[in-house]
N, C-alpha and C. Protein backbone atom coordinates (compact mmCIF):
# COMPACT_ATOMS: atom_id res chain seq x y z
N MET A 1 164.66 114.81 124.18
CA MET A 1 163.29 114.69 123.74
C MET A 1 162.50 113.94 124.79
N LYS A 2 161.35 114.46 125.20
CA LYS A 2 160.59 113.72 126.16
C LYS A 2 159.93 112.54 125.50
N GLY A 3 159.72 111.50 126.30
CA GLY A 3 159.16 110.28 125.74
C GLY A 3 157.67 110.41 125.53
N PHE A 4 157.16 109.72 124.52
CA PHE A 4 155.73 109.68 124.27
C PHE A 4 155.18 108.40 124.85
N LYS A 5 153.96 108.47 125.41
CA LYS A 5 153.32 107.27 125.93
C LYS A 5 153.06 106.29 124.80
N LEU A 6 152.70 106.82 123.66
CA LEU A 6 152.47 106.00 122.47
C LEU A 6 153.19 106.64 121.31
N THR A 7 153.61 105.86 120.35
CA THR A 7 154.17 106.47 119.15
C THR A 7 153.06 107.23 118.44
N ALA A 8 153.44 108.20 117.64
CA ALA A 8 152.43 108.96 116.90
C ALA A 8 151.63 108.03 116.01
N ALA A 9 152.31 107.05 115.42
CA ALA A 9 151.62 106.12 114.53
C ALA A 9 150.55 105.37 115.30
N LEU A 10 150.86 104.97 116.53
CA LEU A 10 149.89 104.23 117.32
C LEU A 10 148.70 105.10 117.66
N LEU A 11 148.96 106.32 118.15
CA LEU A 11 147.86 107.19 118.52
C LEU A 11 147.00 107.53 117.32
N LEU A 12 147.64 107.83 116.20
CA LEU A 12 146.88 108.16 115.01
C LEU A 12 146.05 106.96 114.57
N GLY A 13 146.61 105.76 114.76
CA GLY A 13 145.89 104.54 114.41
C GLY A 13 144.66 104.40 115.26
N VAL A 14 144.81 104.71 116.54
CA VAL A 14 143.67 104.65 117.44
C VAL A 14 142.59 105.62 116.99
N LEU A 15 143.02 106.82 116.58
CA LEU A 15 142.06 107.81 116.11
C LEU A 15 141.32 107.31 114.89
N VAL A 16 142.03 106.62 114.00
CA VAL A 16 141.40 106.12 112.79
C VAL A 16 140.35 105.07 113.13
N LEU A 17 140.73 104.16 113.98
CA LEU A 17 139.84 103.05 114.29
C LEU A 17 138.63 103.50 115.09
N THR A 18 138.78 104.55 115.88
CA THR A 18 137.67 104.97 116.70
C THR A 18 136.75 105.95 116.00
N SER A 19 137.25 106.68 115.01
CA SER A 19 136.40 107.68 114.37
C SER A 19 136.05 107.36 112.93
N CYS A 20 136.88 106.56 112.26
CA CYS A 20 136.67 106.22 110.85
C CYS A 20 136.82 107.42 109.94
N LYS A 21 136.91 108.62 110.48
CA LYS A 21 137.07 109.78 109.62
C LYS A 21 138.50 110.32 109.73
N ASP A 22 139.07 110.20 110.91
CA ASP A 22 140.39 110.78 111.11
C ASP A 22 141.50 109.86 110.64
N ASP A 23 142.64 110.45 110.29
CA ASP A 23 143.79 109.65 109.86
C ASP A 23 144.76 109.52 110.99
N LYS A 24 145.70 108.68 110.86
CA LYS A 24 146.66 108.59 111.91
C LYS A 24 148.06 108.22 111.47
N HIS A 25 148.53 107.95 112.23
CA HIS A 25 149.77 107.32 112.06
C HIS A 25 149.98 106.38 113.26
N TYR A 26 159.82 112.07 113.24
CA TYR A 26 159.56 113.00 114.77
C TYR A 26 160.73 114.20 115.11
N ILE A 27 173.52 121.83 115.12
CA ILE A 27 175.04 121.89 115.27
C ILE A 27 175.62 123.13 114.57
N ALA A 28 176.27 123.55 115.17
CA ALA A 28 176.86 124.72 114.52
C ALA A 28 177.69 124.29 113.32
N LYS A 29 178.40 123.17 113.45
CA LYS A 29 179.22 122.68 112.35
C LYS A 29 178.44 121.66 111.53
N GLU A 30 178.70 121.61 110.24
CA GLU A 30 178.01 120.69 109.36
C GLU A 30 178.71 119.34 109.39
N GLU A 31 178.51 118.62 110.47
CA GLU A 31 179.14 117.32 110.59
C GLU A 31 178.35 116.45 111.54
N THR A 32 178.50 115.15 111.37
CA THR A 32 177.87 114.23 112.29
C THR A 32 178.52 114.39 113.65
N VAL A 33 177.71 114.38 114.69
CA VAL A 33 178.24 114.57 116.03
C VAL A 33 179.05 113.36 116.45
N ASN A 34 180.21 113.60 117.03
CA ASN A 34 181.01 112.53 117.61
C ASN A 34 180.71 112.50 119.11
N PHE A 35 180.00 111.47 119.56
CA PHE A 35 179.58 111.41 120.95
C PHE A 35 180.72 110.89 121.83
N LYS A 36 180.78 111.40 123.05
CA LYS A 36 181.69 110.85 124.04
C LYS A 36 181.20 109.44 124.37
N LEU A 37 182.09 108.64 124.95
CA LEU A 37 181.73 107.26 125.27
C LEU A 37 180.50 107.21 126.15
N SER A 38 180.45 108.08 127.18
CA SER A 38 179.32 108.08 128.10
C SER A 38 178.03 108.46 127.37
N ASP A 39 178.12 109.45 126.48
CA ASP A 39 176.94 109.87 125.73
C ASP A 39 176.47 108.74 124.82
N SER A 40 177.41 108.07 124.17
CA SER A 40 177.07 106.98 123.28
C SER A 40 176.42 105.84 124.04
N ALA A 41 176.95 105.52 125.21
CA ALA A 41 176.39 104.44 126.03
C ALA A 41 174.97 104.78 126.45
N ASN A 42 174.75 106.03 126.84
CA ASN A 42 173.41 106.46 127.22
C ASN A 42 172.46 106.38 126.03
N ALA A 43 172.95 106.77 124.85
CA ALA A 43 172.13 106.72 123.65
C ALA A 43 171.74 105.29 123.33
N ILE A 44 172.68 104.37 123.47
CA ILE A 44 172.41 102.97 123.18
C ILE A 44 171.35 102.41 124.13
N GLU A 45 171.46 102.76 125.40
CA GLU A 45 170.46 102.29 126.37
C GLU A 45 169.09 102.88 126.06
N GLU A 46 169.08 104.12 125.61
CA GLU A 46 167.82 104.78 125.24
C GLU A 46 167.18 104.08 124.04
N ILE A 47 168.00 103.71 123.06
CA ILE A 47 167.51 103.02 121.86
C ILE A 47 166.98 101.63 122.23
N LYS A 48 167.70 100.92 123.10
CA LYS A 48 167.25 99.61 123.54
C LYS A 48 165.90 99.71 124.24
N ALA A 49 165.72 100.76 125.05
CA ALA A 49 164.46 100.95 125.75
C ALA A 49 163.33 101.24 124.75
N PHE A 50 163.65 102.02 123.72
CA PHE A 50 162.67 102.31 122.66
C PHE A 50 162.24 101.02 121.97
N GLN A 51 163.20 100.18 121.62
CA GLN A 51 162.89 98.93 120.93
C GLN A 51 162.04 98.02 121.81
N ALA A 52 162.38 97.95 123.09
CA ALA A 52 161.63 97.10 124.01
C ALA A 52 160.19 97.59 124.15
N GLU A 53 160.01 98.90 124.22
CA GLU A 53 158.67 99.46 124.36
C GLU A 53 157.85 99.22 123.10
N LEU A 54 158.49 99.34 121.94
CA LEU A 54 157.79 99.12 120.68
C LEU A 54 157.34 97.65 120.58
N ASN A 55 158.21 96.74 120.94
CA ASN A 55 157.84 95.33 120.92
C ASN A 55 156.70 95.04 121.91
N LYS A 56 156.74 95.70 123.03
CA LYS A 56 155.68 95.53 124.03
C LYS A 56 154.34 95.97 123.47
N GLU A 57 154.32 97.11 122.76
CA GLU A 57 153.09 97.61 122.17
C GLU A 57 152.56 96.63 121.11
N PHE A 58 153.48 96.05 120.35
CA PHE A 58 153.07 95.14 119.28
C PHE A 58 152.54 93.82 119.82
N LYS A 59 152.98 93.42 121.00
CA LYS A 59 152.51 92.17 121.60
C LYS A 59 151.18 92.36 122.31
N ASN A 60 150.87 93.58 122.67
CA ASN A 60 149.64 93.89 123.41
C ASN A 60 148.45 93.94 122.45
N GLY A 61 147.46 93.11 122.70
CA GLY A 61 146.30 93.07 121.81
C GLY A 61 145.54 94.37 121.74
N ASP A 62 145.65 95.22 122.78
CA ASP A 62 144.93 96.49 122.80
C ASP A 62 145.64 97.58 122.01
N SER A 63 146.94 97.41 121.76
CA SER A 63 147.69 98.47 121.09
C SER A 63 148.40 98.01 119.82
N SER A 64 148.38 96.71 119.55
CA SER A 64 149.13 96.19 118.41
C SER A 64 148.43 96.46 117.08
N PRO A 65 149.19 96.87 116.06
CA PRO A 65 148.63 97.04 114.73
C PRO A 65 148.57 95.72 113.95
N LEU A 66 149.17 94.68 114.52
CA LEU A 66 149.24 93.41 113.82
C LEU A 66 147.87 92.76 113.68
N THR A 67 147.72 91.96 112.64
CA THR A 67 146.51 91.17 112.51
C THR A 67 146.54 90.12 113.62
N GLU A 68 145.39 89.58 113.94
CA GLU A 68 145.31 88.57 115.00
C GLU A 68 146.20 87.38 114.66
N GLU A 69 146.23 87.01 113.40
CA GLU A 69 147.04 85.88 112.97
C GLU A 69 148.52 86.14 113.18
N ASP A 70 148.99 87.34 112.79
CA ASP A 70 150.41 87.67 112.94
C ASP A 70 150.80 87.82 114.40
N ARG A 71 149.89 88.34 115.22
CA ARG A 71 150.22 88.56 116.63
C ARG A 71 150.42 87.24 117.37
N LYS A 72 149.76 86.19 116.94
CA LYS A 72 149.89 84.89 117.60
C LYS A 72 151.31 84.34 117.48
N THR A 73 152.00 84.68 116.39
CA THR A 73 153.35 84.15 116.18
C THR A 73 154.43 85.23 116.34
N PHE A 74 154.03 86.43 116.75
CA PHE A 74 154.97 87.55 116.83
C PHE A 74 155.97 87.36 117.97
N LYS A 75 157.24 87.44 117.65
CA LYS A 75 158.32 87.32 118.65
C LYS A 75 159.01 88.66 118.89
N GLY A 76 158.96 89.53 117.92
CA GLY A 76 159.63 90.82 118.04
C GLY A 76 159.92 91.40 116.68
N LEU A 77 160.03 92.71 116.61
CA LEU A 77 160.34 93.38 115.35
C LEU A 77 161.80 93.14 114.97
N ASP A 78 162.08 93.23 113.68
CA ASP A 78 163.44 93.05 113.18
C ASP A 78 164.09 94.42 113.05
N PHE A 79 165.11 94.67 113.85
CA PHE A 79 165.82 95.95 113.83
C PHE A 79 167.21 95.80 113.22
N PHE A 80 167.67 96.87 112.59
CA PHE A 80 169.08 96.92 112.23
C PHE A 80 169.91 96.96 113.52
N PRO A 81 171.16 96.53 113.47
CA PRO A 81 172.03 96.68 114.65
C PRO A 81 172.12 98.17 115.03
N ILE A 82 172.12 98.44 116.31
CA ILE A 82 172.22 99.83 116.77
C ILE A 82 173.54 100.43 116.30
N ASP A 83 173.46 101.62 115.72
CA ASP A 83 174.65 102.29 115.19
C ASP A 83 174.49 103.78 115.43
N THR A 84 175.32 104.33 116.33
CA THR A 84 175.20 105.75 116.68
C THR A 84 175.66 106.67 115.55
N LEU A 85 176.22 106.11 114.47
CA LEU A 85 176.49 106.93 113.30
C LEU A 85 175.21 107.56 112.80
N PHE A 86 174.10 106.84 112.99
CA PHE A 86 172.81 107.32 112.50
C PHE A 86 172.04 108.12 113.56
N ARG A 87 172.74 108.55 114.57
CA ARG A 87 172.18 109.47 115.56
C ARG A 87 172.91 110.80 115.36
N VAL A 88 172.25 111.77 114.77
CA VAL A 88 172.92 113.01 114.38
C VAL A 88 172.22 114.21 115.01
N THR A 89 172.98 115.25 115.19
CA THR A 89 172.41 116.52 115.62
C THR A 89 172.22 117.39 114.38
N ALA A 90 170.99 117.76 114.13
CA ALA A 90 170.66 118.53 112.93
C ALA A 90 170.46 120.00 113.28
N ARG A 91 170.78 120.85 112.35
CA ARG A 91 170.45 122.27 112.46
C ARG A 91 168.97 122.41 112.15
N PHE A 92 168.25 123.07 113.04
CA PHE A 92 166.81 123.19 112.86
C PHE A 92 166.44 124.63 112.53
N GLU A 93 165.72 124.78 111.43
CA GLU A 93 165.25 126.10 111.00
C GLU A 93 163.72 126.09 110.99
N GLU A 94 163.12 126.87 111.85
CA GLU A 94 161.66 126.93 111.88
C GLU A 94 161.16 127.67 110.64
N THR A 95 160.02 127.25 110.13
CA THR A 95 159.44 127.88 108.94
C THR A 95 158.07 128.46 109.31
N PRO A 96 158.06 129.62 109.95
CA PRO A 96 156.79 130.21 110.38
C PRO A 96 155.94 130.67 109.20
N PHE A 97 154.67 130.81 109.47
CA PHE A 97 153.71 131.31 108.48
C PHE A 97 153.49 130.36 107.31
N GLU A 98 153.87 129.09 107.48
CA GLU A 98 153.61 128.10 106.44
C GLU A 98 152.10 127.79 106.41
N PRO A 99 151.51 127.70 105.24
CA PRO A 99 150.09 127.33 105.18
C PRO A 99 149.92 125.84 105.46
N SER A 100 148.80 125.47 106.03
CA SER A 100 148.53 124.05 106.24
C SER A 100 148.13 123.42 104.91
N PHE A 101 148.26 122.11 104.84
CA PHE A 101 147.91 121.40 103.62
C PHE A 101 147.38 120.02 103.98
N ARG A 102 146.77 119.36 103.02
CA ARG A 102 146.24 118.02 103.24
C ARG A 102 147.27 117.01 102.75
N MET A 103 147.77 116.20 103.67
CA MET A 103 148.78 115.21 103.30
C MET A 103 148.10 113.95 102.75
N LYS A 104 148.64 113.45 101.64
CA LYS A 104 148.08 112.24 101.04
C LYS A 104 148.36 111.04 101.95
N THR A 105 147.45 110.08 101.89
CA THR A 105 147.59 108.87 102.69
C THR A 105 147.35 107.64 101.82
N THR A 106 147.42 106.49 102.45
CA THR A 106 147.18 105.24 101.73
C THR A 106 145.70 105.02 101.45
N THR A 107 144.85 105.89 101.97
CA THR A 107 143.42 105.83 101.68
C THR A 107 142.99 107.20 101.15
N ASP A 108 141.69 107.45 101.13
CA ASP A 108 141.22 108.75 100.65
C ASP A 108 141.21 109.79 101.76
N ARG A 109 141.64 109.42 102.93
CA ARG A 109 141.72 110.37 104.03
C ARG A 109 142.86 111.35 103.77
N ALA A 110 142.65 112.60 104.16
CA ALA A 110 143.67 113.63 103.91
C ALA A 110 143.81 114.51 105.15
N PRO A 111 144.59 114.08 106.14
CA PRO A 111 144.75 114.84 107.38
C PRO A 111 145.49 116.16 107.13
N GLU A 112 145.25 117.10 108.01
CA GLU A 112 145.83 118.43 107.85
C GLU A 112 147.18 118.53 108.57
N TYR A 113 148.19 118.95 107.84
CA TYR A 113 149.53 119.15 108.37
C TYR A 113 150.04 120.53 107.94
N LYS A 114 151.12 120.93 108.56
CA LYS A 114 151.87 122.06 108.02
C LYS A 114 153.35 121.79 108.25
N ARG A 115 154.18 122.34 107.37
CA ARG A 115 155.62 122.20 107.57
C ARG A 115 156.02 123.14 108.69
N TYR A 116 156.57 122.56 109.76
CA TYR A 116 156.94 123.35 110.92
C TYR A 116 158.38 123.86 110.82
N GLY A 117 159.23 123.08 110.12
CA GLY A 117 160.62 123.50 110.01
C GLY A 117 161.40 122.58 109.10
N ILE A 118 162.71 122.81 109.04
CA ILE A 118 163.62 122.02 108.21
C ILE A 118 164.80 121.59 109.08
N ALA A 119 165.10 120.28 109.04
CA ALA A 119 166.25 119.75 109.78
C ALA A 119 167.35 119.42 108.78
N SER A 120 168.52 120.04 108.92
CA SER A 120 169.66 119.81 108.02
C SER A 120 170.78 119.12 108.79
N PHE A 121 171.38 118.12 108.18
CA PHE A 121 172.41 117.37 108.88
C PHE A 121 173.38 116.76 107.87
N THR A 122 174.53 116.33 108.38
CA THR A 122 175.53 115.68 107.55
C THR A 122 175.63 114.22 107.96
N LEU A 123 175.60 113.34 106.96
CA LEU A 123 175.72 111.91 107.21
C LEU A 123 176.65 111.32 106.16
N LYS A 124 177.66 110.61 106.62
CA LYS A 124 178.65 110.01 105.72
C LYS A 124 179.25 111.03 104.77
N GLY A 125 179.51 112.23 105.29
CA GLY A 125 180.18 113.27 104.53
C GLY A 125 179.31 114.06 103.57
N LYS A 126 178.01 113.82 103.58
CA LYS A 126 177.12 114.53 102.66
C LYS A 126 176.01 115.22 103.43
N GLU A 127 175.61 116.36 102.94
CA GLU A 127 174.57 117.16 103.59
C GLU A 127 173.18 116.72 103.13
N TYR A 128 172.28 116.60 104.11
CA TYR A 128 170.89 116.23 103.83
C TYR A 128 169.95 117.15 104.58
N ARG A 129 168.70 117.14 104.15
CA ARG A 129 167.69 117.93 104.85
C ARG A 129 166.35 117.21 104.79
N LEU A 130 165.59 117.35 105.84
CA LEU A 130 164.27 116.76 105.91
C LEU A 130 163.27 117.80 106.38
N ASN A 131 162.11 117.83 105.74
CA ASN A 131 161.04 118.67 106.23
C ASN A 131 160.45 118.05 107.49
N VAL A 132 160.14 118.89 108.43
CA VAL A 132 159.57 118.47 109.70
C VAL A 132 158.13 118.99 109.76
N TYR A 133 157.19 118.10 110.03
CA TYR A 133 155.78 118.46 109.94
C TYR A 133 155.10 118.44 111.31
N GLN A 134 154.01 119.21 111.39
CA GLN A 134 153.19 119.21 112.60
C GLN A 134 151.76 118.88 112.21
N SER A 135 151.20 117.87 112.85
CA SER A 135 149.81 117.49 112.60
C SER A 135 148.89 118.51 113.26
N GLN A 136 148.00 119.08 112.48
CA GLN A 136 147.09 120.07 113.02
C GLN A 136 145.97 119.43 113.83
N GLU A 137 145.84 118.12 113.74
CA GLU A 137 144.86 117.39 114.53
C GLU A 137 145.50 116.88 115.83
N LEU A 138 146.69 116.29 115.69
CA LEU A 138 147.35 115.71 116.85
C LEU A 138 147.78 116.77 117.86
N MET A 139 148.09 117.98 117.39
CA MET A 139 148.54 119.03 118.30
C MET A 139 147.44 119.44 119.28
N LEU A 140 146.21 119.04 119.00
CA LEU A 140 145.08 119.35 119.88
C LEU A 140 144.88 118.29 120.95
N VAL A 141 145.64 117.18 120.85
CA VAL A 141 145.54 116.09 121.82
C VAL A 141 146.47 116.38 122.99
N GLU A 142 145.95 116.29 124.21
CA GLU A 142 146.76 116.59 125.39
C GLU A 142 148.00 115.71 125.43
N GLY A 143 149.13 116.34 125.64
CA GLY A 143 150.40 115.62 125.70
C GLY A 143 151.15 115.59 124.40
N TYR A 144 150.48 116.01 123.31
CA TYR A 144 151.10 115.98 121.99
C TYR A 144 151.17 117.38 121.36
N GLU A 145 151.05 118.39 122.19
CA GLU A 145 151.04 119.75 121.66
C GLU A 145 152.35 120.13 120.96
N ASP A 146 153.46 119.54 121.40
CA ASP A 146 154.75 119.89 120.80
C ASP A 146 155.31 118.76 119.95
N TYR A 147 154.45 117.83 119.55
CA TYR A 147 154.89 116.70 118.74
C TYR A 147 155.15 117.11 117.30
N LEU A 148 156.27 116.61 116.74
CA LEU A 148 156.60 116.84 115.34
C LEU A 148 156.78 115.50 114.63
N PHE A 149 156.51 115.49 113.34
CA PHE A 149 156.44 114.27 112.54
C PHE A 149 157.44 114.35 111.39
N ILE A 150 158.32 113.34 111.28
CA ILE A 150 159.34 113.34 110.23
C ILE A 150 159.26 112.04 109.44
N PRO A 151 158.49 112.02 108.35
CA PRO A 151 158.45 110.83 107.50
C PRO A 151 159.60 110.89 106.49
N PHE A 152 160.15 109.75 106.12
CA PHE A 152 161.25 109.78 105.14
C PHE A 152 161.35 108.46 104.37
N LEU A 153 161.89 108.58 103.18
CA LEU A 153 162.28 107.45 102.35
C LEU A 153 163.80 107.47 102.23
N ASP A 154 164.40 106.30 102.05
CA ASP A 154 165.85 106.26 101.85
C ASP A 154 166.18 105.12 100.91
N ALA A 155 167.46 104.88 100.68
CA ALA A 155 167.88 103.89 99.69
C ALA A 155 167.56 102.45 100.09
N THR A 156 167.16 102.22 101.33
CA THR A 156 166.76 100.87 101.75
C THR A 156 165.26 100.64 101.55
N SER A 157 164.51 101.68 101.26
CA SER A 157 163.05 101.56 101.13
C SER A 157 162.68 100.62 99.99
N GLY A 158 161.88 99.63 100.30
CA GLY A 158 161.46 98.67 99.29
C GLY A 158 162.34 97.44 99.21
N THR A 159 163.49 97.47 99.87
CA THR A 159 164.37 96.30 99.89
C THR A 159 164.50 95.80 101.33
N GLU A 160 165.33 96.46 102.11
CA GLU A 160 165.49 96.06 103.51
C GLU A 160 164.43 96.65 104.42
N THR A 161 163.84 97.74 104.00
CA THR A 161 162.82 98.38 104.83
C THR A 161 161.52 98.55 104.03
N TYR A 162 160.47 98.93 104.73
CA TYR A 162 159.15 99.08 104.13
C TYR A 162 159.19 100.06 102.96
N GLY A 163 158.57 99.66 101.85
CA GLY A 163 158.63 100.47 100.63
C GLY A 163 157.96 101.82 100.74
N GLY A 164 157.04 101.95 101.67
CA GLY A 164 156.34 103.23 101.84
C GLY A 164 157.08 104.22 102.71
N GLY A 165 158.27 103.84 103.18
CA GLY A 165 159.04 104.75 104.01
C GLY A 165 158.81 104.51 105.49
N ARG A 166 159.53 105.28 106.30
CA ARG A 166 159.44 105.14 107.75
C ARG A 166 159.23 106.51 108.40
N TYR A 167 158.96 106.49 109.70
CA TYR A 167 158.67 107.71 110.44
C TYR A 167 159.65 107.89 111.60
N LEU A 168 159.86 109.17 111.96
CA LEU A 168 160.57 109.54 113.18
C LEU A 168 159.66 110.46 113.99
N ASP A 169 159.72 110.32 115.31
CA ASP A 169 159.03 111.24 116.20
C ASP A 169 160.02 112.30 116.68
N ALA A 170 159.54 113.49 116.94
CA ALA A 170 160.39 114.55 117.49
C ALA A 170 159.50 115.50 118.28
N THR A 171 160.14 116.40 119.02
CA THR A 171 159.40 117.45 119.72
C THR A 171 159.98 118.79 119.30
N ILE A 172 159.20 119.83 119.48
CA ILE A 172 159.66 121.18 119.13
C ILE A 172 160.91 121.50 119.95
N PRO A 173 162.03 121.78 119.29
CA PRO A 173 163.27 122.05 120.03
C PRO A 173 163.25 123.42 120.69
N ASP A 174 164.06 123.54 121.76
CA ASP A 174 164.17 124.82 122.45
C ASP A 174 165.04 125.82 121.69
N GLY A 175 165.99 125.29 120.90
CA GLY A 175 166.91 126.17 120.19
C GLY A 175 166.96 125.88 118.71
N THR A 176 168.16 125.90 118.16
CA THR A 176 168.33 125.77 116.71
C THR A 176 168.90 124.41 116.29
N THR A 177 168.91 123.45 117.22
CA THR A 177 169.36 122.10 116.88
C THR A 177 168.35 121.08 117.40
N MET A 178 168.36 119.91 116.77
CA MET A 178 167.53 118.81 117.24
C MET A 178 168.24 117.50 116.91
N VAL A 179 168.09 116.52 117.76
CA VAL A 179 168.69 115.21 117.53
C VAL A 179 167.74 114.36 116.69
N LEU A 180 168.28 113.79 115.62
CA LEU A 180 167.55 112.83 114.80
C LEU A 180 168.22 111.47 115.01
N ASP A 181 167.52 110.55 115.64
CA ASP A 181 168.07 109.23 115.89
C ASP A 181 167.35 108.23 115.00
N PHE A 182 167.97 107.89 113.88
CA PHE A 182 167.34 106.98 112.93
C PHE A 182 167.26 105.55 113.48
N ASN A 183 167.94 105.27 114.58
CA ASN A 183 167.77 103.99 115.25
C ASN A 183 166.34 103.85 115.80
N LYS A 184 165.64 104.96 115.87
CA LYS A 184 164.25 104.95 116.35
C LYS A 184 163.25 105.10 115.20
N ALA A 185 163.71 104.91 113.97
CA ALA A 185 162.81 104.97 112.82
C ALA A 185 161.89 103.76 112.85
N TYR A 186 160.60 103.99 112.65
CA TYR A 186 159.64 102.90 112.72
C TYR A 186 158.71 102.92 111.51
N ASN A 187 158.06 101.79 111.26
CA ASN A 187 157.16 101.67 110.12
C ASN A 187 155.78 102.24 110.41
N PRO A 188 155.10 102.76 109.38
CA PRO A 188 153.70 103.12 109.56
C PRO A 188 152.88 101.85 109.78
N TYR A 189 151.72 101.99 110.39
CA TYR A 189 150.92 100.82 110.74
C TYR A 189 150.43 100.05 109.52
N CYS A 190 150.29 100.74 108.39
CA CYS A 190 149.80 100.03 107.20
C CYS A 190 150.84 99.06 106.67
N ALA A 191 152.06 99.09 107.21
CA ALA A 191 153.07 98.10 106.84
C ALA A 191 152.73 96.74 107.45
N TYR A 192 151.84 96.76 108.44
CA TYR A 192 151.48 95.53 109.14
C TYR A 192 150.02 95.12 108.92
N ASN A 193 149.19 96.11 108.60
CA ASN A 193 147.76 95.82 108.53
C ASN A 193 147.10 96.84 107.60
N LYS A 194 146.43 96.36 106.56
CA LYS A 194 145.85 97.24 105.55
C LYS A 194 144.63 98.01 106.05
N ARG A 195 144.16 97.71 107.24
CA ARG A 195 142.99 98.43 107.75
C ARG A 195 143.35 99.85 108.19
N TYR A 196 144.65 100.14 108.29
CA TYR A 196 145.08 101.47 108.72
C TYR A 196 145.27 102.42 107.55
N SER A 197 145.10 103.71 107.83
CA SER A 197 145.33 104.76 106.86
C SER A 197 146.59 105.51 107.29
N CYS A 198 147.59 105.54 106.45
CA CYS A 198 148.89 106.11 106.85
C CYS A 198 149.33 107.24 105.92
N PRO A 199 149.87 108.32 106.48
CA PRO A 199 150.42 109.39 105.65
C PRO A 199 151.52 108.89 104.74
N LEU A 200 151.50 109.34 103.50
CA LEU A 200 152.54 109.00 102.54
C LEU A 200 153.71 109.98 102.69
N VAL A 201 154.91 109.50 102.50
CA VAL A 201 156.08 110.36 102.63
C VAL A 201 156.14 111.34 101.46
N PRO A 202 156.15 112.65 101.74
CA PRO A 202 156.31 113.62 100.65
C PRO A 202 157.63 113.38 99.93
N LYS A 203 157.64 113.54 98.61
CA LYS A 203 158.85 113.23 97.83
C LYS A 203 160.04 114.07 98.26
N GLU A 204 159.79 115.25 98.84
CA GLU A 204 160.89 116.11 99.29
C GLU A 204 161.68 115.47 100.43
N ASN A 205 161.10 114.47 101.07
CA ASN A 205 161.78 113.82 102.19
C ASN A 205 162.39 112.48 101.80
N THR A 206 162.91 112.43 100.58
CA THR A 206 163.62 111.25 100.09
C THR A 206 165.12 111.46 100.24
N LEU A 207 165.79 110.54 100.92
CA LEU A 207 167.23 110.63 101.14
C LEU A 207 167.95 109.63 100.23
N ASP A 208 168.97 110.09 99.52
CA ASP A 208 169.70 109.18 98.63
C ASP A 208 170.88 108.55 99.37
N VAL A 209 170.57 107.96 100.52
CA VAL A 209 171.56 107.28 101.34
C VAL A 209 170.85 106.12 102.03
N SER A 210 171.57 105.06 102.31
CA SER A 210 170.99 103.91 103.00
C SER A 210 170.99 104.17 104.50
N ILE A 211 169.81 104.26 105.06
CA ILE A 211 169.67 104.44 106.51
C ILE A 211 169.50 103.05 107.12
N LYS A 212 170.61 102.40 107.41
CA LYS A 212 170.57 101.05 107.96
C LYS A 212 170.47 101.15 109.47
N ALA A 213 169.34 101.66 109.91
CA ALA A 213 169.07 101.82 111.33
C ALA A 213 167.55 101.80 111.51
N GLY A 214 167.13 101.40 112.70
CA GLY A 214 165.69 101.38 112.97
C GLY A 214 165.05 100.07 112.58
N VAL A 215 163.74 100.12 112.36
CA VAL A 215 162.96 98.92 112.07
C VAL A 215 163.11 98.52 110.61
N LYS A 216 163.30 97.21 110.38
CA LYS A 216 163.34 96.68 109.02
C LYS A 216 161.90 96.35 108.57
N LYS A 217 161.76 95.88 107.34
CA LYS A 217 160.43 95.55 106.84
C LYS A 217 159.90 94.30 107.56
N PHE A 218 158.59 94.22 107.64
CA PHE A 218 157.94 93.10 108.30
C PHE A 218 157.89 91.91 107.36
N HIS A 219 158.14 90.70 107.88
CA HIS A 219 158.16 89.47 107.07
C HIS A 219 159.26 89.58 106.00
């Protein structure tokens, strides 16, 4: 997956703050992929780089979603320990001809999305699936034409993680598989600041498993 200059949540947040109208904010066998040591090491370094970049954005007054008060004492986000068990290769099925719809948010804003596909994967011996969405607004922004959005809730939501769920970034895959790395799951901006408008996780994207990876709840 190519890297994004900003997370989708950050860019969408910028759109909200600048326009006030727009909303903002990712295997052949049915099994979790067993990575070779070299692959796992590379994945861990990639996750560490993601975490460092996210913390950098949060410390930067120009890009941080934090309130001024919280940013003054901010030391870094609280992450679960990195665990490549939660980095899986999913079977990806594109869903062409899906109609667009208005996704509910934490405000009265209703951005336009469409379901782009379905990602199916096995975790801890059980099969799961997540709808993968494409923002009809963000796809018009240069550099985000192939961006995909994967919001989800899991058994940690509301306890160890933000109750409104978390997000994953992804890009349109070249084939029939895509990597879902839940170590890169992050909170919507409204988890830090009520001035933001954030897409709500569709109930179809609720996982009955604890995803102990990625960003934990703030405070």
